Structure formats: structure tokens, C-alpha cells
Amino acid sequence: MAESSKKVLEKKGQGEYEFTAYGEFLSYFHAHIDIFKRLLKTKKMDPSQVEEVAKQIKSYMTGNIKKTDQFFEHLPQFATLLGVSKEEVSAYLNANFLEVLTKVQDKLKNQELEKMKNAPAPSFASISEEIVEGLHFNHPKDFVFAQKGILMVLENPLTGEIIEPQGLMAASAKAALSIPSGAESEKEPVSLTEALAVANAPPTPVAKKQSLILEKEKSILQEIAETFADTLTGEKLEVKIGPEVSDTPQIDTKSNGSSTKSNEEYEIEDLEFDDSSDSSSESGSSFHETQEHDDFSDDLGIEYEEEQPPPPQLDLNLVRLGNYSITEFMDLVQTITTYQTKGDQVGYQNWLRSISEFDKAVVSLRTQVLKEQKNEPVDWNSLFQMMSSKSELKPDVLKGIVKKIKNFQIVKLTLDRMIQEFKKGSPEFMQIVKMAWPHIQKSFYEVPNYQQVQTLLRGILSRVNGDAHKKEFSRIFTMALNFIQSKFPV
């Protein structure tokens, strides 16, 4: 049977189902995943990339978040994985969390109720397990069974507290003790233990009636004479104190031996008990029990062994680098271009302060890449060391960013050249280009998967009407593919 800590729902006294601590944690877990996916979709990220980032976040939460109140503490890490600022993640969560959580909990509750409805009859390892599960009764802590006359009760030896039998056992005990039921008795119901004490009590001695006229008391000598009249002889009573004196005192060996034996029996050496191991094991077991109730990670598809060493620390910036897409890069370049076109230096600086450390590094390194493309010298090693010392980004991450920027710049250059070629066409042709341009961009974002690029471009050509327009599109697409393949590293 599943343990109670694994249950998502539990039934309350009024017959309603409410979430357990684990169910509450599970709903928060999936609500955060759902919200993060929505946030990524607002960034116009490719669906496959959205799923990849969501998978990374799910893996991170499974390994690092154990309780419901820990989600908020990891906002900086979520922001790094999502590639946005902490403030943006926080604002988006505040605006959407309650709505998404309600939907997730409704769905989860309906799902669990459906499982309960269609679940097979539970199997039990023993009859006692079935009784406990059916009655939802657990043996009270520190109580033991104790026999009180005809009653079997639960008693706490430390406090003396007693829990009396209930139900049919109580009814039969009342019948045996001749206790009227609550409906028949005008007085408050008597407890079974009190009734049992009364039933087993010795009879109350009948008090002797006292006369109002005081009787004259007998003298002590008269009472002795009346009581011991047959044994009194009138001889002189000699009172001797102590043992009789004899020439050879005899030693009572039996008495001496018994005295020695008695001394041996009651002479007990002090023993020192080291109960530190017991107490430590008890505290240890208590600690593990607490962990079992609060830790829900093993119910999310990952099993952990108690003595298994902790997993290596995940470098979130390396994960971010692996997930960084050309779509994000092109959006960043577009934002920079917009500020440059407007000449809005203040707005640009405010925007720069709001983005993550990773994106700031992309902006700075892109400037250096453009300098290098103009044949200006760049000391990359010194630059990497300087930037690494001022941020959490390691030199390997910075090198990876530069590699991606150079590759993405090739794709951007290819698209820019295509635009120049498209502008040479007729107004009618340019109108078709405007409609197809978002799809053309998306196709080249698949580089270096050239097979996928060609498949998407064929789909665009199939929607172009007119042989002349198709031929012009085909010419420009071929030129662009040849150029990008000659520049883009494998």
C-alpha cells in the first residue's frame, strides 16, 4: 500500500477531499513549470527550445527544492535558467501565479479523484494493516495495554492517563457492571474505570450506633484479667533483657550464613550505562522520519539512496549557455539597435542594469567580436580573466558565449544580405517577401541543421504563386545557403 505521505488528497471529517502536504507541493511544482513555459513563449522562443529549458528547470527543482516554501528562495537561479532578470521573473509570477495554481490544483484534484474512483480494491499484508487503514486509528504514543479487572484499557505509565474501550467493548463492559446507558441515567455517565473501582471496593463497614449516654470505661487491669484469666498463675514475673550469659558462647552459624547471604543478595555494584548510542539512534530515526514526510523528491521520478553521495553542483551558467538560442541573440541585437536608433542612452543604461549577468556578458563580448571583425586586435584571454573576476561566469562559459556569438553573427549577416537581394525585386515581389519574412528567418535559425533549413524553405516556396517569383526566391535561398555553409563552422 502507498504510504500516507505519498497521498495527494485526504478525506476530511465533512467528507471533503483536501490536498496533503505532498499534494500541495506537487501543485506548486507544476504551477511553476507552467508559468515558466508561458514566460518563455512570450519571448517568441522555439517550442522545442521551450521544452528543453523547462526540462532543465524541472531537473533543477527536483534536485534542489524539497518544500513548498523554498520555491521563492530560488528565483535568481530560475532567472538564470530562463535567461531573464530576477525582477521580470518575480513580476510575472506575481501576476499569474494564483490563476495558474488554481487551474493546476483543479486539474490535479479531478485527476486524483478519478484515480480513486477507478482504483482496484486495496490489498493488505495483514489484518491489522487493514483494520488500521479502515479505522484510521493509530496507537497513541507512550500508551500500553493494561488489564483493569474485566477491562482492557490503554494506559500511559508515565502520567497514569487511561483511555477506556469504545463501541461494542464499552457496551458489554457497562452491561457487566450494571451501568445504565446515557438515555436511562439522569446523572452524568460514569466512566468504566470508576464503576469498576466501585464494584471491586470492599463493603463499607456498618457504623455502630452510639448511645447518647456515655458508658463508663473499664480499667486496663480489669481488661487484662478478663482476657487472660486462664493463663494468669500469680507467679512473680522476671523480666530479662538481652541473651543469657553462658561460659561458652555459641555462634549461630545458620543466622550468620543467612546474614552473609542476605548481604550478598543486596550488595549491587554501580553500573554505568552508556545510553548515548540509544539516544543518538533515536534522534537519528526521528530525523529520518521528519525527512520522509517533508521530502517529496522521490515521488517526482527520482530515487535516492540514503548513503548516496550528493550530486555534483550544477553550473547554471553552463546550462544557460547550452540553451542560449539564436532567437534570444537576435532579440537582444534588435533591442540594442532600437536604443541606438532613438539615441536613448539613459533608457539603454536602465535596460542594461535590468538584464542578467549572462546577457550583460553577451552584450559586452558582441562588441569585442565586432571589433575583431574590423581587424582590431582583441586579447581574449585577458578579457576572459577580467570578466570572470568581476562576475560568476567562468572563462569556459565566456569562451562558449564568444563561439555562439560568432556563429549567430554569420546567420545575421546572411539574413542581411538576403534583404539586400530581396529589395532588388518588384513591389509585388517585396509584398510577398514581407509576408514570408518571419518564416524565412525561422528557417535559417535552424542552422547548422541544413536539411531542416531546406525542408522549411521548400514549404515557403510551395506557397509562392507565379513561376517568376518562385525562381527569384529559389535563387536567393540557394545563394544564402552556399554563403552560410562556407562561413559557418561545423
Protein backbone atom coordinates (compact mmCIF):
# COMPACT_ATOMS: atom_id res chain seq x y z
CA MET A 1 0.00 0.00 0.00
CA ALA A 2 1.07 3.56 -0.59
CA GLU A 3 2.13 5.47 2.47
CA SER A 4 0.02 8.38 3.66
CA SER A 5 2.89 10.78 2.88
CA LYS A 6 2.59 9.81 -0.80
CA LYS A 7 -1.11 10.64 -0.99
CA VAL A 8 -2.16 13.73 -2.91
CA LEU A 9 -5.62 14.01 -1.32
CA GLU A 10 -7.05 13.07 2.05
CA LYS A 11 -10.64 12.94 3.22
CA LYS A 12 -11.69 15.32 5.99
CA GLY A 13 -14.42 14.94 8.61
CA GLN A 14 -17.09 16.57 6.45
CA GLY A 15 -16.40 14.16 3.59
CA GLU A 16 -14.49 16.71 1.51
CA TYR A 17 -11.10 15.99 -0.01
CA GLU A 18 -8.20 18.33 0.67
CA PHE A 19 -4.58 18.35 -0.52
CA THR A 20 -1.98 16.69 1.67
CA ALA A 21 1.39 18.40 2.23
CA TYR A 22 2.74 16.36 -0.67
CA GLY A 23 -0.23 17.28 -2.88
CA GLU A 24 0.29 20.97 -2.10
CA PHE A 25 3.99 20.68 -3.01
CA LEU A 26 3.15 18.84 -6.25
CA SER A 27 0.69 21.55 -7.34
CA TYR A 28 3.28 24.29 -6.68
CA PHE A 29 5.89 22.32 -8.63
CA HIS A 30 3.74 22.00 -11.77
CA ALA A 31 2.38 25.56 -11.47
CA HIS A 32 5.93 26.96 -11.61
CA ILE A 33 6.77 24.79 -14.65
CA ASP A 34 3.60 26.01 -16.42
CA ILE A 35 4.31 29.68 -15.64
CA PHE A 36 7.93 29.42 -16.80
CA LYS A 37 6.78 27.89 -20.10
CA ARG A 38 4.37 30.78 -20.61
CA LEU A 39 7.13 33.29 -19.91
CA LEU A 40 9.43 31.64 -22.46
CA LYS A 41 6.66 31.67 -25.09
CA THR A 42 6.26 35.42 -24.65
CA LYS A 43 9.93 35.66 -25.73
CA LYS A 44 8.98 34.03 -29.06
CA MET A 45 11.24 31.09 -28.31
CA ASP A 46 11.03 27.98 -30.45
CA PRO A 47 8.66 25.36 -28.90
CA SER A 48 11.35 22.69 -28.85
CA GLN A 49 13.69 25.13 -27.08
CA VAL A 50 10.94 25.95 -24.57
CA GLU A 51 10.59 22.26 -23.72
CA GLU A 52 14.35 21.90 -23.35
CA VAL A 53 14.59 24.82 -20.91
CA ALA A 54 11.55 23.56 -18.99
CA LYS A 55 13.24 20.17 -18.71
CA GLN A 56 16.37 21.80 -17.27
CA ILE A 57 14.30 23.78 -14.73
CA LYS A 58 12.35 20.68 -13.73
CA SER A 59 15.58 18.78 -13.15
CA TYR A 60 16.95 21.66 -11.06
CA MET A 61 13.82 21.91 -8.90
CA THR A 62 13.72 18.13 -8.37
CA GLY A 63 17.26 18.13 -7.04
CA ASN A 64 17.20 21.35 -5.01
CA ILE A 65 13.66 22.10 -3.78
CA LYS A 66 12.17 19.89 -1.07
CA LYS A 67 9.45 22.06 0.50
CA THR A 68 6.71 24.36 -0.76
CA ASP A 69 8.19 27.49 0.81
CA GLN A 70 11.56 27.00 -0.93
CA PHE A 71 10.41 27.99 -4.44
CA PHE A 72 10.74 31.72 -3.75
CA GLU A 73 14.30 31.30 -2.46
CA HIS A 74 15.48 30.02 -5.88
CA LEU A 75 14.23 32.93 -8.03
CA PRO A 76 17.81 34.02 -9.00
CA GLN A 77 18.57 30.51 -10.29
CA PHE A 78 15.25 30.40 -12.21
CA ALA A 79 16.08 33.77 -13.79
CA THR A 80 19.47 32.46 -14.93
CA LEU A 81 17.97 29.32 -16.47
CA LEU A 82 15.24 31.35 -18.19
CA GLY A 83 17.67 33.99 -19.44
CA VAL A 84 15.76 36.94 -17.96
CA SER A 85 16.21 39.21 -14.97
CA LYS A 86 15.13 38.23 -11.46
CA GLU A 87 12.76 41.23 -11.35
CA GLU A 88 11.00 40.09 -14.53
CA VAL A 89 10.53 36.54 -13.21
CA SER A 90 9.21 37.87 -9.91
CA ALA A 91 6.76 40.25 -11.60
CA TYR A 92 5.49 37.55 -13.96
CA LEU A 93 4.99 35.10 -11.08
CA ASN A 94 3.10 37.68 -9.01
CA ALA A 95 0.80 38.46 -11.92
CA ASN A 96 0.00 34.89 -12.96
CA PHE A 97 0.69 32.53 -10.06
CA LEU A 98 -2.74 32.39 -8.37
CA GLU A 99 -4.56 31.87 -11.66
CA VAL A 100 -2.22 29.10 -12.82
CA LEU A 101 -2.07 27.43 -9.38
CA THR A 102 -5.90 27.27 -9.20
CA LYS A 103 -6.08 25.61 -12.61
CA VAL A 104 -3.30 23.14 -11.75
CA GLN A 105 -4.91 22.22 -8.41
CA ASP A 106 -8.35 21.76 -10.00
CA LYS A 107 -6.85 19.50 -12.64
CA LEU A 108 -4.77 17.58 -10.10
CA LYS A 109 -7.75 17.12 -7.77
CA ASN A 110 -10.02 15.83 -10.55
CA GLN A 111 -7.25 13.54 -11.72
CA GLU A 112 -6.74 12.05 -8.24
CA LEU A 113 -10.49 11.65 -7.64
CA GLU A 114 -10.76 9.80 -10.94
CA LYS A 115 -7.89 7.53 -9.87
CA MET A 116 -9.61 6.80 -6.55
CA LYS A 117 -12.87 6.06 -8.35
CA ASN A 118 -11.28 3.58 -10.76
CA ALA A 119 -8.65 2.20 -8.38
CA PRO A 120 -8.81 -1.55 -7.64
CA ALA A 121 -9.60 -2.75 -4.15
CA PRO A 122 -6.53 -2.31 -1.92
CA SER A 123 -4.56 -5.35 -0.84
CA PHE A 124 -3.23 -5.63 2.70
CA ALA A 125 -0.26 -7.52 4.11
CA SER A 126 -2.09 -8.34 7.36
CA ILE A 127 -5.46 -8.00 9.04
CA SER A 128 -4.03 -5.41 11.44
CA GLU A 129 -2.97 -3.25 8.50
CA GLU A 130 -6.49 -3.42 7.07
CA ILE A 131 -8.02 -2.51 10.45
CA VAL A 132 -5.73 0.49 10.86
CA GLU A 133 -6.40 1.64 7.29
CA GLY A 134 -10.14 1.20 7.68
CA LEU A 135 -10.46 2.83 11.09
CA HIS A 136 -7.75 5.45 10.51
CA PHE A 137 -6.63 4.86 14.10
CA ASN A 138 -3.02 4.82 15.27
CA HIS A 139 -1.83 3.56 18.64
CA PRO A 140 -1.26 6.60 20.92
CA LYS A 141 2.35 7.34 21.71
CA ASP A 142 3.66 6.13 25.13
CA PHE A 143 0.45 4.16 25.85
CA VAL A 144 0.42 0.41 26.58
CA PHE A 145 -2.37 -2.13 27.03
CA ALA A 146 -3.22 -2.76 30.70
CA GLN A 147 -5.70 -5.08 32.40
CA LYS A 148 -8.03 -3.34 34.88
CA GLY A 149 -10.24 -6.07 36.27
CA ILE A 150 -12.57 -7.09 33.43
CA LEU A 151 -11.45 -4.10 31.36
CA MET A 152 -8.61 -3.95 28.85
CA VAL A 153 -7.57 -0.28 28.62
CA LEU A 154 -4.77 1.86 27.17
CA GLU A 155 -2.66 3.36 29.93
CA ASN A 156 0.22 5.83 29.92
CA PRO A 157 2.59 4.54 32.63
CA LEU A 158 4.29 7.93 32.89
CA THR A 159 1.18 10.05 33.54
CA GLY A 160 -1.36 7.45 34.64
CA GLU A 161 -3.78 8.61 31.93
CA ILE A 162 -6.25 5.91 30.83
CA ILE A 163 -8.13 5.53 27.52
CA GLU A 164 -11.23 3.37 28.03
CA PRO A 165 -12.66 0.96 25.44
CA GLN A 166 -15.19 2.33 22.98
CA GLY A 167 -18.07 0.98 20.93
CA LEU A 168 -19.20 -2.61 21.47
CA MET A 169 -16.46 -3.27 24.04
CA ALA A 170 -17.71 -0.38 26.15
CA ALA A 171 -21.34 -1.52 25.84
CA SER A 172 -20.52 -5.05 27.03
CA ALA A 173 -18.44 -3.68 29.93
CA LYS A 174 -21.32 -1.43 31.02
CA ALA A 175 -23.69 -4.37 30.93
CA ALA A 176 -21.32 -6.44 33.09
CA LEU A 177 -21.01 -3.60 35.59
CA SER A 178 -24.75 -2.80 35.51
CA ILE A 179 -24.17 0.78 34.38
CA PRO A 180 -27.29 2.39 32.82
CA SER A 181 -26.91 3.93 29.36
CA GLY A 182 -26.90 7.68 28.90
CA ALA A 183 -30.59 7.75 27.98
CA GLU A 184 -31.66 5.85 31.13
CA SER A 185 -29.47 7.69 33.62
CA GLU A 186 -30.34 11.17 34.81
CA LYS A 187 -26.83 11.71 36.14
CA GLU A 188 -23.69 12.22 34.12
CA PRO A 189 -22.36 8.94 32.66
CA VAL A 190 -19.89 7.21 34.95
CA SER A 191 -16.54 6.17 33.45
CA LEU A 192 -15.90 2.45 33.22
CA THR A 193 -12.79 2.58 35.41
CA GLU A 194 -14.65 4.45 38.15
CA ALA A 195 -17.51 1.98 38.01
CA LEU A 196 -15.05 -0.90 38.16
CA ALA A 197 -13.31 0.62 41.22
CA VAL A 198 -16.67 0.95 42.96
CA ALA A 199 -17.62 -2.64 42.09
CA ASN A 200 -14.33 -4.03 43.45
CA ALA A 201 -14.26 -1.85 46.57
CA PRO A 202 -14.62 -3.65 49.97
CA PRO A 203 -18.01 -3.34 51.67
CA THR A 204 -18.44 -0.23 53.71
CA PRO A 205 -18.28 -1.11 57.42
CA VAL A 206 -21.56 -0.58 59.25
CA ALA A 207 -21.13 2.08 61.86
CA LYS A 208 -22.07 1.01 65.38
CA LYS A 209 -24.90 3.02 66.81
CA GLN A 210 -23.70 5.22 69.60
CA SER A 211 -25.78 5.84 72.70
CA LEU A 212 -26.23 9.32 73.90
CA ILE A 213 -25.39 8.12 77.45
CA LEU A 214 -21.62 7.64 77.78
CA GLU A 215 -20.61 4.24 79.18
CA LYS A 216 -18.03 4.06 81.96
CA GLU A 217 -14.72 2.84 80.60
CA LYS A 218 -13.09 -0.30 82.08
CA SER A 219 -9.70 -0.06 83.68
CA ILE A 220 -6.78 -1.63 81.85
CA LEU A 221 -6.18 -4.10 84.73
CA GLN A 222 -9.76 -5.30 84.51
CA GLU A 223 -9.49 -5.90 80.79
CA ILE A 224 -6.25 -7.92 81.24
CA ALA A 225 -7.82 -10.01 83.99
CA GLU A 226 -10.92 -10.74 81.88
CA THR A 227 -8.92 -11.54 78.77
CA PHE A 228 -6.11 -13.69 80.21
CA ALA A 229 -7.94 -15.19 83.24
CA ASP A 230 -6.99 -18.79 82.29
CA THR A 231 -3.26 -18.15 81.93
CA LEU A 232 -2.56 -15.94 84.88
CA THR A 233 -0.88 -18.06 87.67
CA GLY A 234 0.10 -15.43 90.17
CA GLU A 235 3.85 -16.21 89.89
CA LYS A 236 6.38 -13.37 90.04
CA LEU A 237 7.29 -12.12 86.57
CA GLU A 238 11.02 -11.81 85.95
CA VAL A 239 11.93 -9.57 83.07
CA LYS A 240 15.28 -10.36 81.39
CA ILE A 241 16.86 -8.07 78.85
CA GLY A 242 19.42 -9.46 76.40
CA PRO A 243 20.66 -13.05 75.80
CA GLU A 244 21.51 -15.42 78.57
CA VAL A 245 25.15 -15.33 79.72
CA SER A 246 26.99 -18.65 79.35
CA ASP A 247 30.62 -19.73 79.65
CA THR A 248 30.99 -20.82 76.05
CA PRO A 249 29.11 -18.55 73.76
CA GLN A 250 27.68 -20.43 70.77
CA ILE A 251 27.80 -18.87 67.37
CA ASP A 252 24.66 -19.28 65.35
CA THR A 253 26.13 -20.38 62.03
CA LYS A 254 22.78 -20.53 60.31
CA SER A 255 21.97 -16.99 61.28
CA ASN A 256 25.46 -15.83 60.29
CA GLY A 257 25.25 -17.60 56.98
CA SER A 258 21.87 -16.20 56.22
CA SER A 259 23.12 -12.75 57.11
CA THR A 260 26.07 -13.15 54.76
CA LYS A 261 23.80 -14.45 52.09
CA SER A 262 21.43 -11.56 52.63
CA ASN A 263 24.28 -9.12 52.33
CA GLU A 264 25.41 -10.78 49.12
CA GLU A 265 21.95 -10.63 47.67
CA TYR A 266 21.55 -6.91 48.27
CA GLU A 267 25.07 -5.76 47.58
CA ILE A 268 24.85 -4.45 43.98
CA GLU A 269 27.70 -2.76 42.23
CA ASP A 270 27.03 0.52 40.44
CA LEU A 271 26.82 0.01 36.70
CA GLU A 272 27.48 2.79 34.20
CA PHE A 273 25.22 2.66 31.18
CA ASP A 274 26.29 4.49 28.03
CA ASP A 275 22.96 5.41 26.51
CA SER A 276 24.46 7.84 24.04
CA SER A 277 24.13 5.25 21.27
CA ASP A 278 20.45 4.74 22.08
CA SER A 279 19.71 8.42 22.24
CA SER A 280 21.64 9.09 19.07
CA SER A 281 19.86 6.31 17.22
CA GLU A 282 16.51 7.61 18.44
CA SER A 283 17.29 11.14 17.39
CA GLY A 284 18.60 9.82 14.10
CA SER A 285 15.45 7.83 13.44
CA SER A 286 13.34 10.84 14.38
CA PHE A 287 15.33 12.96 11.94
CA HIS A 288 14.85 10.46 9.13
CA GLU A 289 11.12 10.27 9.84
CA THR A 290 10.88 14.05 9.52
CA GLN A 291 12.77 13.93 6.25
CA GLU A 292 10.46 11.25 4.88
CA HIS A 293 7.41 13.48 5.46
CA ASP A 294 8.92 16.74 4.08
CA ASP A 295 10.94 15.40 1.20
CA PHE A 296 8.84 14.74 -1.90
CA SER A 297 11.64 14.44 -4.39
CA ASP A 298 11.47 10.63 -4.71
CA ASP A 299 7.82 10.90 -5.83
CA LEU A 300 8.80 13.00 -8.85
CA GLY A 301 10.51 10.14 -10.63
CA ILE A 302 13.94 10.12 -8.98
CA GLU A 303 15.06 7.66 -6.34
CA TYR A 304 17.73 8.50 -3.80
CA GLU A 305 19.73 6.17 -1.58
CA GLU A 306 20.43 7.32 1.95
CA GLU A 307 24.19 6.88 1.69
CA GLN A 308 24.46 8.05 -1.91
CA PRO A 309 26.90 10.99 -2.22
CA PRO A 310 25.28 14.31 -3.21
CA PRO A 311 25.19 15.04 -6.94
CA PRO A 312 27.83 17.43 -8.30
CA GLN A 313 26.88 21.09 -8.18
CA LEU A 314 25.19 22.17 -11.39
CA ASP A 315 26.76 25.19 -13.11
CA LEU A 316 23.66 27.15 -14.08
CA ASN A 317 25.63 29.37 -16.44
CA LEU A 318 26.78 26.32 -18.42
CA VAL A 319 23.16 25.20 -18.65
CA ARG A 320 22.20 28.70 -19.77
CA LEU A 321 24.93 28.63 -22.40
CA GLY A 322 23.70 25.30 -23.76
CA ASN A 323 20.13 26.65 -24.02
CA TYR A 324 21.06 30.05 -25.47
CA SER A 325 19.39 30.26 -28.88
CA ILE A 326 19.82 32.45 -31.92
CA THR A 327 16.29 33.80 -31.34
CA GLU A 328 17.37 35.26 -28.00
CA PHE A 329 20.50 36.70 -29.60
CA MET A 330 18.55 38.34 -32.44
CA ASP A 331 16.03 39.83 -29.97
CA LEU A 332 18.91 41.24 -27.90
CA VAL A 333 20.55 42.77 -31.00
CA GLN A 334 17.19 44.27 -32.04
CA THR A 335 16.79 45.87 -28.60
CA ILE A 336 20.29 47.41 -28.79
CA THR A 337 19.59 48.69 -32.31
CA THR A 338 16.34 50.31 -31.16
CA TYR A 339 18.09 52.24 -28.36
CA GLN A 340 20.86 53.30 -30.79
CA THR A 341 18.34 54.50 -33.38
CA LYS A 342 16.50 56.58 -30.77
CA GLY A 343 19.73 57.81 -29.20
CA ASP A 344 18.23 56.90 -25.81
CA GLN A 345 21.37 56.48 -23.70
CA VAL A 346 19.50 56.68 -20.36
CA GLY A 347 16.99 54.03 -21.41
CA TYR A 348 19.81 51.83 -22.68
CA GLN A 349 21.68 52.03 -19.35
CA ASN A 350 18.50 51.26 -17.39
CA TRP A 351 17.83 48.27 -19.62
CA LEU A 352 21.43 47.10 -19.23
CA ARG A 353 21.11 47.16 -15.44
CA SER A 354 17.90 45.10 -15.55
CA ILE A 355 19.22 42.14 -17.56
CA SER A 356 21.05 39.09 -16.17
CA GLU A 357 24.83 38.73 -15.81
CA PHE A 358 24.80 36.28 -18.72
CA ASP A 359 23.08 38.73 -21.09
CA LYS A 360 25.39 41.54 -19.98
CA ALA A 361 28.32 39.34 -20.95
CA VAL A 362 26.72 38.70 -24.37
CA VAL A 363 26.37 42.47 -24.95
CA SER A 364 29.99 43.14 -23.93
CA LEU A 365 31.51 40.22 -25.87
CA ARG A 366 29.48 41.03 -29.00
CA THR A 367 31.13 44.46 -29.03
CA GLN A 368 34.55 42.76 -28.95
CA VAL A 369 33.56 40.34 -31.72
CA LEU A 370 32.52 43.28 -33.95
CA LYS A 371 35.88 44.94 -33.21
CA GLU A 372 37.73 41.78 -34.24
CA GLN A 373 35.70 41.60 -37.46
CA LYS A 374 37.03 45.09 -38.24
CA ASN A 375 40.57 43.67 -37.85
CA GLU A 376 41.09 45.37 -34.49
CA PRO A 377 43.17 43.30 -32.03
CA VAL A 378 41.37 41.71 -29.05
CA ASP A 379 43.22 39.99 -26.17
CA TRP A 380 40.61 37.36 -25.43
CA ASN A 381 42.46 35.63 -22.58
CA SER A 382 42.96 38.85 -20.62
CA LEU A 383 39.33 39.81 -21.32
CA PHE A 384 38.05 36.45 -20.08
CA GLN A 385 40.12 36.68 -16.87
CA MET A 386 38.96 40.23 -16.16
CA MET A 387 35.25 39.47 -16.75
CA SER A 388 35.44 36.22 -14.76
CA SER A 389 36.91 38.04 -11.75
CA LYS A 390 34.03 40.54 -11.73
CA SER A 391 31.17 38.06 -12.21
CA GLU A 392 30.15 34.44 -11.59
CA LEU A 393 30.86 33.49 -15.21
CA LYS A 394 33.82 31.15 -15.64
CA PRO A 395 36.27 31.55 -18.56
CA ASP A 396 34.89 28.38 -20.23
CA VAL A 397 31.41 29.91 -20.26
CA LEU A 398 32.73 33.18 -21.69
CA LYS A 399 34.61 31.29 -24.44
CA GLY A 400 31.39 29.43 -25.27
CA ILE A 401 29.48 32.72 -25.50
CA VAL A 402 32.03 34.13 -27.96
CA LYS A 403 31.77 30.99 -30.11
CA LYS A 404 27.97 31.26 -30.23
CA ILE A 405 28.07 35.00 -30.99
CA LYS A 406 30.39 34.41 -33.97
CA ASN A 407 28.09 31.68 -35.31
CA PHE A 408 24.97 33.80 -34.79
CA GLN A 409 26.64 36.79 -36.44
CA ILE A 410 27.14 34.67 -39.58
CA VAL A 411 23.42 33.85 -39.65
CA LYS A 412 22.57 37.54 -39.12
CA LEU A 413 24.94 38.58 -41.90
CA THR A 414 23.32 36.04 -44.23
CA LEU A 415 19.84 37.39 -43.49
CA ASP A 416 21.04 40.98 -44.03
CA ARG A 417 22.44 40.05 -47.45
CA MET A 418 19.18 38.32 -48.37
CA ILE A 419 17.27 41.52 -47.56
CA GLN A 420 19.52 43.49 -49.89
CA GLU A 421 18.79 40.98 -52.68
CA PHE A 422 15.04 41.00 -52.00
CA LYS A 423 14.95 44.80 -52.29
CA LYS A 424 16.06 44.49 -55.93
CA GLY A 425 12.73 42.87 -56.83
CA SER A 426 9.45 44.43 -57.89
CA PRO A 427 6.97 45.98 -55.40
CA GLU A 428 4.72 42.94 -55.84
CA PHE A 429 7.65 40.66 -55.04
CA MET A 430 8.56 42.73 -51.98
CA GLN A 431 4.98 42.42 -50.73
CA ILE A 432 5.34 38.63 -50.82
CA VAL A 433 8.72 38.90 -49.06
CA LYS A 434 7.16 40.90 -46.17
CA MET A 435 4.58 38.18 -45.63
CA ALA A 436 7.15 35.38 -45.81
CA TRP A 437 10.00 37.07 -43.90
CA PRO A 438 9.18 35.72 -40.38
CA HIS A 439 9.09 32.19 -41.82
CA ILE A 440 12.34 32.75 -43.72
CA GLN A 441 14.06 33.91 -40.51
CA LYS A 442 12.76 30.90 -38.60
CA SER A 443 14.10 28.58 -41.32
CA PHE A 444 17.65 29.94 -41.09
CA TYR A 445 17.53 29.81 -37.29
CA GLU A 446 17.82 26.02 -37.71
CA VAL A 447 21.43 26.35 -38.96
CA PRO A 448 23.60 24.20 -38.90
CA ASN A 449 20.78 21.63 -39.47
CA TYR A 450 20.77 22.34 -43.20
CA GLN A 451 18.36 19.51 -44.01
CA GLN A 452 15.75 21.12 -41.76
CA VAL A 453 16.51 24.55 -43.29
CA GLN A 454 15.91 23.21 -46.82
CA THR A 455 12.69 21.47 -45.76
CA LEU A 456 11.29 24.70 -44.33
CA LEU A 457 12.38 26.75 -47.35
CA ARG A 458 10.66 24.27 -49.71
CA GLY A 459 7.49 24.74 -47.68
CA ILE A 460 7.74 28.52 -48.22
CA LEU A 461 8.32 28.10 -51.99
CA SER A 462 5.25 25.87 -52.27
CA ARG A 463 3.08 28.79 -51.15
CA VAL A 464 4.54 31.32 -53.61
CA ASN A 465 2.36 31.94 -56.67
CA GLY A 466 3.97 32.62 -60.02
CA ASP A 467 6.95 30.89 -61.56
CA ALA A 468 8.98 34.12 -61.79
CA HIS A 469 8.61 34.81 -58.08
CA LYS A 470 9.41 31.19 -57.20
CA LYS A 471 12.53 31.31 -59.35
CA GLU A 472 13.72 34.55 -57.67
CA PHE A 473 13.13 33.13 -54.18
CA SER A 474 14.93 29.92 -55.11
CA ARG A 475 17.94 31.88 -56.44
CA ILE A 476 18.30 33.97 -53.26
CA PHE A 477 17.79 30.96 -50.97
CA THR A 478 20.49 28.99 -52.82
CA MET A 479 22.92 31.91 -52.65
CA ALA A 480 22.28 32.32 -48.90
CA LEU A 481 22.76 28.61 -48.15
CA ASN A 482 26.02 28.48 -50.12
CA PHE A 483 27.32 31.55 -48.29
CA ILE A 484 26.40 30.38 -44.79
CA GLN A 485 27.82 26.88 -45.37
CA SER A 486 31.13 28.38 -46.44
CA LYS A 487 31.37 30.54 -43.29
CA PHE A 488 29.64 28.57 -40.55
CA PRO A 489 31.98 26.14 -38.70
CA VAL A 490 30.85 22.56 -38.47
